[in-house]
PDB file of N, CA and C in Angstrom:
ATOM      1  N   UNK A   1      16.599  21.372  17.928  1.00  0.00           N
ATOM      2  CA  UNK A   1      16.034  20.122  18.450  1.00  0.00           C
ATOM      3  C   UNK A   1      17.029  19.510  19.445  1.00  0.00           C
ATOM      4  N   UNK A   2      16.581  19.007  20.560  1.00  0.00           N
ATOM      5  CA  UNK A   2      17.410  18.514  21.537  1.00  0.00           C
ATOM      6  C   UNK A   2      17.617  16.992  21.225  1.00  0.00           C
ATOM      7  N   UNK A   3      18.604  16.345  21.814  1.00  0.00           N
ATOM      8  CA  UNK A   3      18.970  14.979  21.571  1.00  0.00           C
ATOM      9  C   UNK A   3      17.741  14.011  21.813  1.00  0.00           C
ATOM     10  N   UNK A   4      16.921  14.435  23.008  1.00  0.00           N
ATOM     11  CA  UNK A   4      15.770  13.649  23.308  1.00  0.00           C
ATOM     12  C   UNK A   4      14.686  13.732  22.243  1.00  0.00           C
ATOM     13  N   UNK A   5      14.502  14.959  21.688  1.00  0.00           N
ATOM     14  CA  UNK A   5      13.565  15.218  20.544  1.00  0.00           C
ATOM     15  C   UNK A   5      13.995  14.386  19.370  1.00  0.00           C
ATOM     16  N   UNK A   6      15.265  14.327  19.086  1.00  0.00           N
ATOM     17  CA  UNK A   6      15.772  13.630  17.922  1.00  0.00           C
ATOM     18  C   UNK A   6      15.600  12.122  17.988  1.00  0.00           C
ATOM     19  N   UNK A   7      15.854  11.570  19.142  1.00  0.00           N
ATOM     20  CA  UNK A   7      15.627  10.159  19.511  1.00  0.00           C
ATOM     21  C   UNK A   7      14.149   9.881  19.375  1.00  0.00           C
ATOM     22  N   UNK A   8      13.349  10.624  19.801  1.00  0.00           N
ATOM     23  CA  UNK A   8      11.874  10.399  19.735  1.00  0.00           C
ATOM     24  C   UNK A   8      11.496  10.401  18.314  1.00  0.00           C
ATOM     25  N   UNK A   9      11.934  11.403  17.548  1.00  0.00           N
ATOM     26  CA  UNK A   9      11.518  11.459  16.102  1.00  0.00           C
ATOM     27  C   UNK A   9      12.131  10.348  15.378  1.00  0.00           C
ATOM     28  N   UNK A  10      13.285   9.924  15.650  1.00  0.00           N
ATOM     29  CA  UNK A  10      13.837   8.729  14.941  1.00  0.00           C
ATOM     30  C   UNK A  10      13.081   7.426  15.341  1.00  0.00           C
ATOM     31  N   UNK A  11      12.735   7.285  16.469  1.00  0.00           N
ATOM     32  CA  UNK A  11      11.983   6.134  16.886  1.00  0.00           C
ATOM     33  C   UNK A  11      10.619   6.201  16.224  1.00  0.00           C
ATOM     34  N   UNK A  12       9.965   7.316  16.201  1.00  0.00           N
ATOM     35  CA  UNK A  12       8.616   7.368  15.540  1.00  0.00           C
ATOM     36  C   UNK A  12       8.827   7.035  14.087  1.00  0.00           C
ATOM     37  N   UNK A  13       9.840   7.656  13.372  1.00  0.00           N
ATOM     38  CA  UNK A  13      10.036   7.416  11.927  1.00  0.00           C
ATOM     39  C   UNK A  13      10.238   5.803  11.696  1.00  0.00           C
ATOM     40  N   UNK A  14      11.010   5.240  12.515  1.00  0.00           N
ATOM     41  CA  UNK A  14      11.275   3.848  12.400  1.00  0.00           C
ATOM     42  C   UNK A  14       9.896   2.927  12.481  1.00  0.00           C
ATOM     43  N   UNK A  15       9.068   3.368  13.498  1.00  0.00           N
ATOM     44  CA  UNK A  15       7.934   2.610  13.733  1.00  0.00           C
ATOM     45  C   UNK A  15       6.917   2.839  12.451  1.00  0.00           C
ATOM     46  N   UNK A  16       6.947   4.091  11.919  1.00  0.00           N
ATOM     47  CA  UNK A  16       6.028   4.224  10.790  1.00  0.00           C
ATOM     48  C   UNK A  16       6.538   3.502   9.603  1.00  0.00           C
ATOM     49  N   UNK A  17       7.928   3.480   9.421  1.00  0.00           N
ATOM     50  CA  UNK A  17       8.431   2.671   8.274  1.00  0.00           C
ATOM     51  C   UNK A  17       8.013   1.296   8.421  1.00  0.00           C
ATOM     52  N   UNK A  18       8.142   0.636   9.483  1.00  0.00           N
ATOM     53  CA  UNK A  18       7.822  -0.667   9.707  1.00  0.00           C
ATOM     54  C   UNK A  18       6.349  -1.018   9.431  1.00  0.00           C
ATOM     55  N   UNK A  19       5.382  -0.197   9.965  1.00  0.00           N
ATOM     56  CA  UNK A  19       3.859  -0.226   9.740  1.00  0.00           C
ATOM     57  C   UNK A  19       3.666   0.068   8.164  1.00  0.00           C
ATOM     58  N   UNK A  20       4.337   0.960   7.574  1.00  0.00           N
ATOM     59  CA  UNK A  20       3.987   1.142   6.036  1.00  0.00           C
ATOM     60  C   UNK A  20       4.426   0.048   5.237  1.00  0.00           C
ATOM     61  N   UNK A  21       5.612  -0.535   5.583  1.00  0.00           N
ATOM     62  CA  UNK A  21       6.141  -1.654   4.829  1.00  0.00           C
ATOM     63  C   UNK A  21       5.212  -2.978   4.974  1.00  0.00           C
ATOM     64  N   UNK A  22       4.770  -3.182   6.174  1.00  0.00           N
ATOM     65  CA  UNK A  22       3.928  -4.174   6.423  1.00  0.00           C
ATOM     66  C   UNK A  22       2.475  -3.971   5.628  1.00  0.00           C
ATOM     67  N   UNK A  23       2.018  -2.854   5.722  1.00  0.00           N
ATOM     68  CA  UNK A  23       0.706  -2.587   4.895  1.00  0.00           C
ATOM     69  C   UNK A  23       0.896  -2.584   3.439  1.00  0.00           C
ATOM     70  N   UNK A  24       2.124  -2.166   2.980  1.00  0.00           N
ATOM     71  CA  UNK A  24       2.386  -2.335   1.521  1.00  0.00           C
ATOM     72  C   UNK A  24       2.394  -3.858   1.122  1.00  0.00           C
ATOM     73  N   UNK A  25       3.114  -4.677   1.773  1.00  0.00           N
ATOM     74  CA  UNK A  25       3.108  -6.056   1.605  1.00  0.00           C
ATOM     75  C   UNK A  25       1.759  -6.670   1.635  1.00  0.00           C
ATOM     76  N   UNK A  26       1.081  -6.286   2.600  1.00  0.00           N
ATOM     77  CA  UNK A  26      -0.354  -7.015   2.628  1.00  0.00           C
ATOM     78  C   UNK A  26      -1.189  -6.553   1.471  1.00  0.00           C
ATOM     79  N   UNK A  27      -1.097  -5.164   1.134  1.00  0.00           N
ATOM     80  CA  UNK A  27      -1.728  -4.782   0.005  1.00  0.00           C
ATOM     81  C   UNK A  27      -1.387  -5.401  -1.347  1.00  0.00           C
ATOM     82  N   UNK A  28      -0.104  -5.703  -1.544  1.00  0.00           N
ATOM     83  CA  UNK A  28       0.386  -6.365  -2.641  1.00  0.00           C
ATOM     84  C   UNK A  28      -0.107  -7.812  -2.692  1.00  0.00           C
ATOM     85  N   UNK A  29      -0.019  -8.511  -1.582  1.00  0.00           N
ATOM     86  CA  UNK A  29      -0.473  -9.889  -1.542  1.00  0.00           C
ATOM     87  C   UNK A  29      -2.059  -9.906  -1.813  1.00  0.00           C
ATOM     88  N   UNK A  30      -2.971  -9.083  -1.355  1.00  0.00           N
ATOM     89  CA  UNK A  30      -4.287  -8.941  -1.622  1.00  0.00           C
ATOM     90  C   UNK A  30      -4.656  -8.803  -3.037  1.00  0.00           C
ATOM     91  N   UNK A  31      -3.826  -7.849  -3.705  1.00  0.00           N
ATOM     92  CA  UNK A  31      -4.039  -7.543  -5.045  1.00  0.00           C
ATOM     93  C   UNK A  31      -3.524  -8.864  -5.787  1.00  0.00           C
ATOM     94  N   UNK A  32      -2.592  -9.456  -5.492  1.00  0.00           N
ATOM     95  CA  UNK A  32      -2.032 -10.662  -6.115  1.00  0.00           C
ATOM     96  C   UNK A  32      -3.065 -11.759  -5.954  1.00  0.00           C
ATOM     97  N   UNK A  33      -3.796 -11.915  -4.857  1.00  0.00           N
ATOM     98  CA  UNK A  33      -4.793 -12.948  -4.645  1.00  0.00           C
ATOM     99  C   UNK A  33      -6.092 -12.744  -5.555  1.00  0.00           C
ATOM    100  N   UNK A  34      -6.197 -11.393  -5.809  1.00  0.00           N
ATOM    101  CA  UNK A  34      -7.567 -11.159  -6.673  1.00  0.00           C
ATOM    102  C   UNK A  34      -7.120 -11.405  -8.349  1.00  0.00           C
ATOM    103  N   UNK A  35      -5.917 -11.731  -8.603  1.00  0.00           N
ATOM    104  CA  UNK A  35      -5.743 -12.215  -9.925  1.00  0.00           C
ATOM    105  C   UNK A  35      -5.951 -11.105 -10.961  1.00  0.00           C
ATOM    106  N   UNK A  36      -6.488 -11.514 -12.122  1.00  0.00           N
ATOM    107  CA  UNK A  36      -6.734 -10.489 -13.252  1.00  0.00           C
ATOM    108  C   UNK A  36      -7.898  -9.553 -12.864  1.00  0.00           C
ATOM    109  N   UNK A  37      -8.726  -9.880 -11.906  1.00  0.00           N
ATOM    110  CA  UNK A  37      -9.679  -9.004 -11.434  1.00  0.00           C
ATOM    111  C   UNK A  37      -9.202  -7.735 -10.802  1.00  0.00           C
ATOM    112  N   UNK A  38      -8.231  -7.886  -9.937  1.00  0.00           N
ATOM    113  CA  UNK A  38      -7.429  -6.781  -9.376  1.00  0.00           C
ATOM    114  C   UNK A  38      -8.437  -5.923  -8.518  1.00  0.00           C
ATOM    115  N   UNK A  39      -7.847  -4.739  -8.037  1.00  0.00           N
ATOM    116  CA  UNK A  39      -8.624  -3.928  -7.172  1.00  0.00           C
ATOM    117  C   UNK A  39      -8.404  -2.434  -7.571  1.00  0.00           C
ATOM    118  N   UNK A  40      -9.453  -1.596  -7.351  1.00  0.00           N
ATOM    119  CA  UNK A  40      -9.226  -0.203  -7.541  1.00  0.00           C
ATOM    120  C   UNK A  40      -8.887   0.228  -6.113  1.00  0.00           C
ATOM    121  N   UNK A  41      -8.489   1.581  -5.960  1.00  0.00           N
ATOM    122  CA  UNK A  41      -8.121   2.180  -4.708  1.00  0.00           C
ATOM    123  C   UNK A  41      -9.489   2.190  -3.846  1.00  0.00           C
ATOM    124  N   UNK A  42     -10.513   2.542  -4.373  1.00  0.00           N
ATOM    125  CA  UNK A  42     -11.689   2.521  -3.521  1.00  0.00           C
ATOM    126  C   UNK A  42     -12.059   1.100  -2.953  1.00  0.00           C
ATOM    127  N   UNK A  43     -11.929   0.071  -3.829  1.00  0.00           N
ATOM    128  CA  UNK A  43     -12.210  -1.253  -3.412  1.00  0.00           C
ATOM    129  C   UNK A  43     -11.195  -1.686  -2.356  1.00  0.00           C
ATOM    130  N   UNK A  44     -10.011  -1.297  -2.413  1.00  0.00           N
ATOM    131  CA  UNK A  44      -8.968  -1.537  -1.438  1.00  0.00           C
ATOM    132  C   UNK A  44      -9.395  -0.979  -0.184  1.00  0.00           C
ATOM    133  N   UNK A  45      -9.660   0.371  -0.263  1.00  0.00           N
ATOM    134  CA  UNK A  45     -10.062   1.051   1.044  1.00  0.00           C
ATOM    135  C   UNK A  45     -11.318   0.465   1.756  1.00  0.00           C
ATOM    136  N   UNK A  46     -12.169  -0.246   1.000  1.00  0.00           N
ATOM    137  CA  UNK A  46     -13.334  -0.853   1.591  1.00  0.00           C
ATOM    138  C   UNK A  46     -13.040  -2.196   2.243  1.00  0.00           C
ATOM    139  N   UNK A  47     -11.863  -2.679   1.960  1.00  0.00           N
ATOM    140  CA  UNK A  47     -11.622  -4.112   2.526  1.00  0.00           C
ATOM    141  C   UNK A  47     -11.356  -4.080   4.166  1.00  0.00           C
ATOM    142  N   UNK A  48     -11.893  -5.095   4.742  1.00  0.00           N
ATOM    143  CA  UNK A  48     -11.783  -5.097   6.157  1.00  0.00           C
ATOM    144  C   UNK A  48     -10.307  -5.013   6.811  1.00  0.00           C
ATOM    145  N   UNK A  49      -9.437  -5.373   5.966  1.00  0.00           N
ATOM    146  CA  UNK A  49      -7.985  -5.304   6.415  1.00  0.00           C
ATOM    147  C   UNK A  49      -7.538  -3.885   6.522  1.00  0.00           C
ATOM    148  N   UNK A  50      -8.155  -2.919   5.796  1.00  0.00           N
ATOM    149  CA  UNK A  50      -7.758  -1.539   5.827  1.00  0.00           C
ATOM    150  C   UNK A  50      -8.795  -0.588   6.380  1.00  0.00           C
ATOM    151  N   UNK A  51      -9.836  -1.276   7.022  1.00  0.00           N
ATOM    152  CA  UNK A  51     -10.864  -0.451   7.656  1.00  0.00           C
ATOM    153  C   UNK A  51     -10.559   0.638   8.559  1.00  0.00           C
ATOM    154  N   UNK A  52      -9.522   0.496   9.383  1.00  0.00           N
ATOM    155  CA  UNK A  52      -9.038   1.455  10.394  1.00  0.00           C
ATOM    156  C   UNK A  52      -7.925   2.281   9.857  1.00  0.00           C
ATOM    157  N   UNK A  53      -7.678   2.280   8.559  1.00  0.00           N
ATOM    158  CA  UNK A  53      -6.733   3.195   7.952  1.00  0.00           C
ATOM    159  C   UNK A  53      -7.446   4.279   7.056  1.00  0.00           C
ATOM    160  N   UNK A  54      -6.883   5.367   7.065  1.00  0.00           N
ATOM    161  CA  UNK A  54      -7.493   6.435   6.089  1.00  0.00           C
ATOM    162  C   UNK A  54      -7.297   6.116   4.738  1.00  0.00           C
ATOM    163  N   UNK A  55      -8.059   6.599   3.739  1.00  0.00           N
ATOM    164  CA  UNK A  55      -7.911   6.512   2.296  1.00  0.00           C
ATOM    165  C   UNK A  55      -6.460   6.842   1.801  1.00  0.00           C
ATOM    166  N   UNK A  56      -6.027   7.960   2.434  1.00  0.00           N
ATOM    167  CA  UNK A  56      -4.623   8.375   1.966  1.00  0.00           C
ATOM    168  C   UNK A  56      -3.551   7.471   2.251  1.00  0.00           C
ATOM    169  N   UNK A  57      -3.663   6.623   3.403  1.00  0.00           N
ATOM    170  CA  UNK A  57      -2.599   5.651   3.829  1.00  0.00           C
ATOM    171  C   UNK A  57      -2.698   4.563   2.800  1.00  0.00           C
ATOM    172  N   UNK A  58      -3.877   4.077   2.438  1.00  0.00           N
ATOM    173  CA  UNK A  58      -4.057   2.888   1.545  1.00  0.00           C
ATOM    174  C   UNK A  58      -3.505   3.366   0.216  1.00  0.00           C
ATOM    175  N   UNK A  59      -3.887   4.570  -0.298  1.00  0.00           N
ATOM    176  CA  UNK A  59      -3.494   5.020  -1.622  1.00  0.00           C
ATOM    177  C   UNK A  59      -1.867   5.191  -1.719  1.00  0.00           C
ATOM    178  N   UNK A  60      -1.364   5.676  -0.547  1.00  0.00           N
ATOM    179  CA  UNK A  60       0.089   5.960  -0.489  1.00  0.00           C
ATOM    180  C   UNK A  60       0.806   4.731  -0.551  1.00  0.00           C
ATOM    181  N   UNK A  61       0.327   3.581   0.089  1.00  0.00           N
ATOM    182  CA  UNK A  61       1.021   2.240  -0.044  1.00  0.00           C
ATOM    183  C   UNK A  61       0.835   1.678  -1.287  1.00  0.00           C
ATOM    184  N   UNK A  62      -0.373   1.857  -1.981  1.00  0.00           N
ATOM    185  CA  UNK A  62      -0.564   1.439  -3.389  1.00  0.00           C
ATOM    186  C   UNK A  62       0.447   2.054  -4.305  1.00  0.00           C
ATOM    187  N   UNK A  63       0.515   3.339  -4.098  1.00  0.00           N
ATOM    188  CA  UNK A  63       1.367   4.154  -4.966  1.00  0.00           C
ATOM    189  C   UNK A  63       2.878   3.614  -4.848  1.00  0.00           C
ATOM    190  N   UNK A  64       3.319   3.469  -3.629  1.00  0.00           N
ATOM    191  CA  UNK A  64       4.684   2.909  -3.346  1.00  0.00           C
ATOM    192  C   UNK A  64       4.959   1.627  -4.113  1.00  0.00           C
ATOM    193  N   UNK A  65       3.844   0.780  -4.066  1.00  0.00           N
ATOM    194  CA  UNK A  65       4.010  -0.613  -4.609  1.00  0.00           C
ATOM    195  C   UNK A  65       4.091  -0.548  -6.110  1.00  0.00           C
ATOM    196  N   UNK A  66       3.301   0.327  -6.663  1.00  0.00           N
ATOM    197  CA  UNK A  66       3.409   0.672  -8.124  1.00  0.00           C
ATOM    198  C   UNK A  66       4.669   1.179  -8.449  1.00  0.00           C
ATOM    199  N   UNK A  67       5.184   2.129  -7.720  1.00  0.00           N
ATOM    200  CA  UNK A  67       6.492   2.677  -8.129  1.00  0.00           C
ATOM    201  C   UNK A  67       7.672   1.819  -7.935  1.00  0.00           C
ATOM    202  N   UNK A  68       7.522   0.773  -7.100  1.00  0.00           N
ATOM    203  CA  UNK A  68       8.528  -0.280  -6.978  1.00  0.00           C
ATOM    204  C   UNK A  68       8.408  -1.290  -8.013  1.00  0.00           C
ATOM    205  N   UNK A  69       7.321  -1.402  -8.921  1.00  0.00           N
ATOM    206  CA  UNK A  69       7.278  -2.239  -9.857  1.00  0.00           C
ATOM    207  C   UNK A  69       6.424  -3.477  -9.543  1.00  0.00           C
ATOM    208  N   UNK A  70       5.759  -3.578  -8.392  1.00  0.00           N
ATOM    209  CA  UNK A  70       4.928  -4.641  -8.044  1.00  0.00           C
ATOM    210  C   UNK A  70       3.541  -4.653  -8.463  1.00  0.00           C
ATOM    211  N   UNK A  71       2.994  -3.527  -8.965  1.00  0.00           N
ATOM    212  CA  UNK A  71       1.612  -3.307  -9.487  1.00  0.00           C
ATOM    213  C   UNK A  71       1.728  -2.616 -10.727  1.00  0.00           C
ATOM    214  N   UNK A  72       0.686  -2.942 -11.628  1.00  0.00           N
ATOM    215  CA  UNK A  72       0.555  -2.237 -12.888  1.00  0.00           C
ATOM    216  C   UNK A  72      -0.902  -2.033 -13.067  1.00  0.00           C
ATOM    217  N   UNK A  73      -1.215  -1.050 -13.951  1.00  0.00           N
ATOM    218  CA  UNK A  73      -2.604  -0.714 -14.365  1.00  0.00           C
ATOM    219  C   UNK A  73      -3.189  -1.820 -15.283  1.00  0.00           C
ATOM    220  N   UNK A  74      -4.489  -2.226 -14.994  1.00  0.00           N
ATOM    221  CA  UNK A  74      -5.027  -3.222 -15.866  1.00  0.00           C
ATOM    222  C   UNK A  74      -6.374  -2.899 -16.542  1.00  0.00           C
ATOM    223  N   UNK A  75      -6.579  -1.707 -16.320  1.00  0.00           N
ATOM    224  CA  UNK A  75      -7.948  -1.040 -16.901  1.00  0.00           C
ATOM    225  C   UNK A  75      -8.676  -0.100 -15.949  1.00  0.00           C
ATOM    226  N   UNK A  76      -9.874   0.111 -16.353  1.00  0.00           N
ATOM    227  CA  UNK A  76     -10.782   0.939 -15.576  1.00  0.00           C
ATOM    228  C   UNK A  76     -12.038   0.292 -15.118  1.00  0.00           C
ATOM    229  N   UNK A  77     -12.355   0.526 -13.876  1.00  0.00           N
ATOM    230  CA  UNK A  77     -13.772  -0.021 -13.427  1.00  0.00           C
ATOM    231  C   UNK A  77     -14.391   1.055 -12.599  1.00  0.00           C
ATOM    232  N   UNK A  78     -15.583   1.359 -13.030  1.00  0.00           N
ATOM    233  CA  UNK A  78     -16.293   2.393 -12.268  1.00  0.00           C
ATOM    234  C   UNK A  78     -15.651   3.698 -12.239  1.00  0.00           C
ATOM    235  N   UNK A  79     -14.972   3.982 -13.426  1.00  0.00           N
ATOM    236  CA  UNK A  79     -14.204   5.197 -13.378  1.00  0.00           C
ATOM    237  C   UNK A  79     -12.908   5.364 -12.670  1.00  0.00           C
ATOM    238  N   UNK A  80     -12.434   4.148 -12.083  1.00  0.00           N
ATOM    239  CA  UNK A  80     -11.280   4.215 -11.395  1.00  0.00           C
ATOM    240  C   UNK A  80     -10.223   3.152 -11.990  1.00  0.00           C
ATOM    241  N   UNK A  81      -8.903   3.383 -11.849  1.00  0.00           N
ATOM    242  CA  UNK A  81      -7.930   2.464 -12.302  1.00  0.00           C
ATOM    243  C   UNK A  81      -7.800   1.163 -11.454  1.00  0.00           C
ATOM    244  N   UNK A  82      -7.933   0.120 -12.256  1.00  0.00           N
ATOM    245  CA  UNK A  82      -7.757  -1.251 -11.628  1.00  0.00           C
ATOM    246  C   UNK A  82      -6.358  -1.657 -11.592  1.00  0.00           C
ATOM    247  N   UNK A  83      -5.908  -2.081 -10.500  1.00  0.00           N
ATOM    248  CA  UNK A  83      -4.382  -2.425 -10.339  1.00  0.00           C
ATOM    249  C   UNK A  83      -4.359  -3.932 -10.174  1.00  0.00           C
ATOM    250  N   UNK A  84      -3.264  -4.541 -10.828  1.00  0.00           N
ATOM    251  CA  UNK A  84      -3.094  -6.004 -10.651  1.00  0.00           C
ATOM    252  C   UNK A  84      -1.538  -6.218 -10.378  1.00  0.00           C
ATOM    253  N   UNK A  85      -1.198  -7.401  -9.946  1.00  0.00           N
ATOM    254  CA  UNK A  85       0.146  -7.723  -9.436  1.00  0.00           C
ATOM    255  C   UNK A  85       1.012  -7.870 -10.777  1.00  0.00           C
ATOM    256  N   UNK A  86       2.201  -7.367 -10.790  1.00  0.00           N
ATOM    257  CA  UNK A  86       3.258  -7.745 -11.860  1.00  0.00           C
ATOM    258  C   UNK A  86       3.865  -8.953 -11.396  1.00  0.00           C
ATOM    259  N   UNK A  87       4.917  -9.409 -12.220  1.00  0.00           N
ATOM    260  CA  UNK A  87       5.551 -10.649 -11.922  1.00  0.00           C
ATOM    261  C   UNK A  87       6.895 -10.474 -11.230  1.00  0.00           C
ATOM    262  N   UNK A  88       7.127  -9.187 -10.842  1.00  0.00           N
ATOM    263  CA  UNK A  88       8.346  -8.859  -9.997  1.00  0.00           C
ATOM    264  C   UNK A  88       8.286  -9.547  -8.733  1.00  0.00           C
ATOM    265  N   UNK A  89       9.318 -10.295  -8.362  1.00  0.00           N
ATOM    266  CA  UNK A  89       9.412 -10.996  -7.137  1.00  0.00           C
ATOM    267  C   UNK A  89       9.403 -10.039  -5.989  1.00  0.00           C
ATOM    268  N   UNK A  90       8.815 -10.459  -4.900  1.00  0.00           N
ATOM    269  CA  UNK A  90       8.894  -9.831  -3.647  1.00  0.00           C
ATOM    270  C   UNK A  90      10.292  -9.909  -2.974  1.00  0.00           C
ATOM    271  N   UNK A  91      10.852  -9.012  -2.350  1.00  0.00           N
ATOM    272  CA  UNK A  91      12.100  -9.249  -1.719  1.00  0.00           C
ATOM    273  C   UNK A  91      12.083 -10.197  -0.607  1.00  0.00           C
TER     274      UNK A  91
END
């Protein structure tokens, strides 16, 4: 890989990290606003906020938020896991 390729790759990775962090925070706040009702992955994917993102992008951000301790399972709705916000403070 040439230095130019490396710089391009690094810039692309930084841009993706910035967007994924923003999406993850938006997703956490939407789930928080839903309260005890929460959201399933399918419901999140159907929200206008995520309409131009693919399902795997939304699910990946939800998975990251869960792994970081910001979300927890609250039950099942329509055969899918319902996610709600934990009390862990956002950074």
